[in-house]
Amino acid sequence: MTIIEKFGPLLGRILIALLFIPAGLSKIGGFAGTVGYIASKGLPLPQVAAAGTIVVEVAVAAALLVGFKARYAALVLAAFTLVAAVIFHNFWAMPAEQVMMQQINFFKNLAIVGGLLLVAAFGAGPLSLDSRKA
């Protein structure tokens, strides 16, 4: 086993979790603002959506981080990220001055989905809780 095969999946999980966990934790402290932003997009039950977002971004991303049920965690995060891209980075419906930034964020989200699908397909790697049970 090469060094990249041993440590690459762990580093990848850490980097992906660094996107989700701090974002989820910041939503706890700024819960009202998060609810307001979700409501501004016309979504129903914004308080429930905000709470669900926090659970996904903190708990599910933590599972991915340590490699616990990582394939399932990656699928949940991939679906969440895809939905977020369509709802919150819909560059095709933005004013001209926002199109470029929203388009960049949209395609970054798609790239994150791609990375998560790789974890879903190939697992968490050797340095994970999942590999300890195998």
C-alpha atoms as a PDB file:
ATOM      1  CA  MET A   1       0.000   0.000   0.000  1.00  0.00           C
ATOM      2  CA  THR A   2       1.408   3.382  -0.989  1.00  0.00           C
ATOM      3  CA  ILE A   3       1.410   6.424   1.267  1.00  0.00           C
ATOM      4  CA  ILE A   4      -1.293   8.097  -0.841  1.00  0.00           C
ATOM      5  CA  GLU A   5      -3.476   4.980  -0.660  1.00  0.00           C
ATOM      6  CA  LYS A   6      -3.075   4.887   3.124  1.00  0.00           C
ATOM      7  CA  PHE A   7      -3.330   8.585   4.003  1.00  0.00           C
ATOM      8  CA  GLY A   8      -5.087  10.099   0.958  1.00  0.00           C
ATOM      9  CA  PRO A   9      -8.608   9.018   1.908  1.00  0.00           C
ATOM     10  CA  LEU A  10      -8.127  10.308   5.467  1.00  0.00           C
ATOM     11  CA  LEU A  11      -6.845  13.663   4.223  1.00  0.00           C
ATOM     12  CA  GLY A  12      -9.730  13.838   1.756  1.00  0.00           C
ATOM     13  CA  ARG A  13     -12.274  13.166   4.509  1.00  0.00           C
ATOM     14  CA  ILE A  14     -10.669  15.802   6.725  1.00  0.00           C
ATOM     15  CA  LEU A  15     -10.767  18.409   3.959  1.00  0.00           C
ATOM     16  CA  ILE A  16     -14.390  17.683   3.094  1.00  0.00           C
ATOM     17  CA  ALA A  17     -15.393  17.783   6.771  1.00  0.00           C
ATOM     18  CA  LEU A  18     -13.635  21.160   7.097  1.00  0.00           C
ATOM     19  CA  LEU A  19     -16.225  22.546   4.717  1.00  0.00           C
ATOM     20  CA  PHE A  20     -19.288  21.201   6.516  1.00  0.00           C
ATOM     21  CA  ILE A  21     -18.580  21.104  10.265  1.00  0.00           C
ATOM     22  CA  PRO A  22     -17.574  24.759  10.812  1.00  0.00           C
ATOM     23  CA  ALA A  23     -20.499  25.861   8.625  1.00  0.00           C
ATOM     24  CA  GLY A  24     -22.914  23.805  10.707  1.00  0.00           C
ATOM     25  CA  LEU A  25     -21.487  25.065  13.990  1.00  0.00           C
ATOM     26  CA  SER A  26     -21.779  28.671  12.825  1.00  0.00           C
ATOM     27  CA  LYS A  27     -25.451  28.060  12.027  1.00  0.00           C
ATOM     28  CA  ILE A  28     -26.057  27.121  15.665  1.00  0.00           C
ATOM     29  CA  GLY A  29     -24.850  30.521  16.841  1.00  0.00           C
ATOM     30  CA  GLY A  30     -26.576  32.305  13.995  1.00  0.00           C
ATOM     31  CA  PHE A  31     -29.731  30.226  13.969  1.00  0.00           C
ATOM     32  CA  ALA A  32     -32.134  33.143  13.424  1.00  0.00           C
ATOM     33  CA  GLY A  33     -30.103  34.383  10.470  1.00  0.00           C
ATOM     34  CA  THR A  34     -30.002  30.906   8.978  1.00  0.00           C
ATOM     35  CA  VAL A  35     -33.769  30.563   9.349  1.00  0.00           C
ATOM     36  CA  GLY A  36     -34.240  33.966   7.716  1.00  0.00           C
ATOM     37  CA  TYR A  37     -32.010  33.067   4.776  1.00  0.00           C
ATOM     38  CA  ILE A  38     -33.826  29.776   4.216  1.00  0.00           C
ATOM     39  CA  ALA A  39     -37.193  31.564   4.450  1.00  0.00           C
ATOM     40  CA  SER A  40     -35.985  34.156   1.912  1.00  0.00           C
ATOM     41  CA  LYS A  41     -35.672  31.335  -0.636  1.00  0.00           C
ATOM     42  CA  GLY A  42     -39.343  30.453  -0.098  1.00  0.00           C
ATOM     43  CA  LEU A  43     -38.710  27.063   1.496  1.00  0.00           C
ATOM     44  CA  PRO A  44     -41.378  25.697   3.846  1.00  0.00           C
ATOM     45  CA  LEU A  45     -40.657  25.145   7.554  1.00  0.00           C
ATOM     46  CA  PRO A  46     -37.418  27.150   7.642  1.00  0.00           C
ATOM     47  CA  GLN A  47     -36.788  26.348  11.334  1.00  0.00           C
ATOM     48  CA  VAL A  48     -36.981  22.630  10.613  1.00  0.00           C
ATOM     49  CA  ALA A  49     -34.790  23.031   7.535  1.00  0.00           C
ATOM     50  CA  ALA A  50     -32.210  24.975   9.555  1.00  0.00           C
ATOM     51  CA  ALA A  51     -32.148  22.316  12.287  1.00  0.00           C
ATOM     52  CA  GLY A  52     -31.842  19.561   9.685  1.00  0.00           C
ATOM     53  CA  THR A  53     -29.035  21.445   7.983  1.00  0.00           C
ATOM     54  CA  ILE A  54     -27.144  21.665  11.270  1.00  0.00           C
ATOM     55  CA  VAL A  55     -27.540  17.930  11.866  1.00  0.00           C
ATOM     56  CA  VAL A  56     -26.286  17.099   8.376  1.00  0.00           C
ATOM     57  CA  GLU A  57     -23.408  19.562   8.431  1.00  0.00           C
ATOM     58  CA  VAL A  58     -22.216  18.616  11.922  1.00  0.00           C
ATOM     59  CA  ALA A  59     -23.235  15.032  12.728  1.00  0.00           C
ATOM     60  CA  VAL A  60     -23.178  13.475   9.273  1.00  0.00           C
ATOM     61  CA  ALA A  61     -19.949  15.260   8.357  1.00  0.00           C
ATOM     62  CA  ALA A  62     -18.418  14.088  11.665  1.00  0.00           C
ATOM     63  CA  ALA A  63     -19.318  10.509  10.718  1.00  0.00           C
ATOM     64  CA  LEU A  64     -17.578  11.039   7.378  1.00  0.00           C
ATOM     65  CA  LEU A  65     -14.571  12.565   9.145  1.00  0.00           C
ATOM     66  CA  VAL A  66     -13.955   9.533  11.349  1.00  0.00           C
ATOM     67  CA  GLY A  67     -15.015   7.102   8.648  1.00  0.00           C
ATOM     68  CA  PHE A  68     -18.089   5.726  10.424  1.00  0.00           C
ATOM     69  CA  LYS A  69     -20.689   4.471   7.933  1.00  0.00           C
ATOM     70  CA  ALA A  70     -18.788   6.710   5.544  1.00  0.00           C
ATOM     71  CA  ARG A  71     -20.484   5.494   2.369  1.00  0.00           C
ATOM     72  CA  TYR A  72     -23.912   6.428   3.757  1.00  0.00           C
ATOM     73  CA  ALA A  73     -22.629   9.702   5.202  1.00  0.00           C
ATOM     74  CA  ALA A  74     -21.118  10.595   1.829  1.00  0.00           C
ATOM     75  CA  LEU A  75     -24.403   9.874   0.047  1.00  0.00           C
ATOM     76  CA  VAL A  76     -26.360  12.033   2.491  1.00  0.00           C
ATOM     77  CA  LEU A  77     -23.856  14.873   2.160  1.00  0.00           C
ATOM     78  CA  ALA A  78     -23.828  14.533  -1.637  1.00  0.00           C
ATOM     79  CA  ALA A  79     -27.624  14.798  -1.841  1.00  0.00           C
ATOM     80  CA  PHE A  80     -27.634  17.710   0.624  1.00  0.00           C
ATOM     81  CA  THR A  81     -24.941  19.547  -1.348  1.00  0.00           C
ATOM     82  CA  LEU A  82     -26.693  19.010  -4.663  1.00  0.00           C
ATOM     83  CA  VAL A  83     -29.978  20.345  -3.288  1.00  0.00           C
ATOM     84  CA  ALA A  84     -28.157  23.317  -1.747  1.00  0.00           C
ATOM     85  CA  ALA A  85     -26.510  24.073  -5.085  1.00  0.00           C
ATOM     86  CA  VAL A  86     -29.820  24.134  -6.939  1.00  0.00           C
ATOM     87  CA  ILE A  87     -31.693  26.172  -4.326  1.00  0.00           C
ATOM     88  CA  PHE A  88     -29.046  28.574  -3.032  1.00  0.00           C
ATOM     89  CA  HIS A  89     -26.683  28.975  -6.004  1.00  0.00           C
ATOM     90  CA  ASN A  90     -29.207  29.111  -8.853  1.00  0.00           C
ATOM     91  CA  PHE A  91     -27.078  31.404 -11.008  1.00  0.00           C
ATOM     92  CA  TRP A  92     -29.518  31.095 -13.912  1.00  0.00           C
ATOM     93  CA  ALA A  93     -32.099  33.095 -11.924  1.00  0.00           C
ATOM     94  CA  MET A  94     -29.762  35.720 -10.431  1.00  0.00           C
ATOM     95  CA  PRO A  95     -29.261  39.370 -11.353  1.00  0.00           C
ATOM     96  CA  ALA A  96     -26.337  39.866 -13.744  1.00  0.00           C
ATOM     97  CA  GLU A  97     -23.989  41.154 -11.030  1.00  0.00           C
ATOM     98  CA  GLN A  98     -24.433  37.914  -9.016  1.00  0.00           C
ATOM     99  CA  VAL A  99     -24.269  35.377 -11.831  1.00  0.00           C
ATOM    100  CA  MET A 100     -20.507  34.787 -11.851  1.00  0.00           C
ATOM    101  CA  MET A 101     -20.159  34.246  -8.087  1.00  0.00           C
ATOM    102  CA  GLN A 102     -23.235  32.013  -7.890  1.00  0.00           C
ATOM    103  CA  GLN A 103     -22.069  30.040 -10.927  1.00  0.00           C
ATOM    104  CA  ILE A 104     -18.682  29.458  -9.281  1.00  0.00           C
ATOM    105  CA  ASN A 105     -20.376  28.316  -6.060  1.00  0.00           C
ATOM    106  CA  PHE A 106     -22.780  26.091  -7.983  1.00  0.00           C
ATOM    107  CA  PHE A 107     -19.986  24.277  -9.801  1.00  0.00           C
ATOM    108  CA  LYS A 108     -17.863  24.041  -6.642  1.00  0.00           C
ATOM    109  CA  ASN A 109     -20.821  22.303  -5.021  1.00  0.00           C
ATOM    110  CA  LEU A 110     -20.991  19.895  -7.958  1.00  0.00           C
ATOM    111  CA  ALA A 111     -17.281  19.148  -7.542  1.00  0.00           C
ATOM    112  CA  ILE A 112     -17.863  18.441  -3.837  1.00  0.00           C
ATOM    113  CA  VAL A 113     -20.706  16.091  -4.813  1.00  0.00           C
ATOM    114  CA  GLY A 114     -18.248  14.315  -7.120  1.00  0.00           C
ATOM    115  CA  GLY A 115     -15.751  13.815  -4.309  1.00  0.00           C
ATOM    116  CA  LEU A 116     -18.461  12.556  -1.997  1.00  0.00           C
ATOM    117  CA  LEU A 117     -19.638  10.081  -4.624  1.00  0.00           C
ATOM    118  CA  LEU A 118     -16.085   8.721  -4.775  1.00  0.00           C
ATOM    119  CA  VAL A 119     -16.215   8.105  -1.016  1.00  0.00           C
ATOM    120  CA  ALA A 120     -19.626   6.479  -1.443  1.00  0.00           C
ATOM    121  CA  ALA A 121     -18.265   4.221  -4.178  1.00  0.00           C
ATOM    122  CA  PHE A 122     -14.883   3.283  -2.708  1.00  0.00           C
ATOM    123  CA  GLY A 123     -15.320   3.714   1.037  1.00  0.00           C
ATOM    124  CA  ALA A 124     -13.491   5.661   3.709  1.00  0.00           C
ATOM    125  CA  GLY A 125     -10.086   4.073   3.242  1.00  0.00           C
ATOM    126  CA  PRO A 126      -7.809   2.163   5.590  1.00  0.00           C
ATOM    127  CA  LEU A 127      -7.594   4.783   8.367  1.00  0.00           C
ATOM    128  CA  SER A 128     -11.261   4.819   9.310  1.00  0.00           C
ATOM    129  CA  LEU A 129     -13.686   3.274  11.751  1.00  0.00           C
ATOM    130  CA  ASP A 130     -15.274   1.396   8.860  1.00  0.00           C
ATOM    131  CA  SER A 131     -11.983  -0.367   8.054  1.00  0.00           C
ATOM    132  CA  ARG A 132     -11.480  -1.381  11.690  1.00  0.00           C
ATOM    133  CA  LYS A 133     -14.762  -3.318  11.633  1.00  0.00           C
ATOM    134  CA  ALA A 134     -13.910  -5.092   8.372  1.00  0.00           C
END
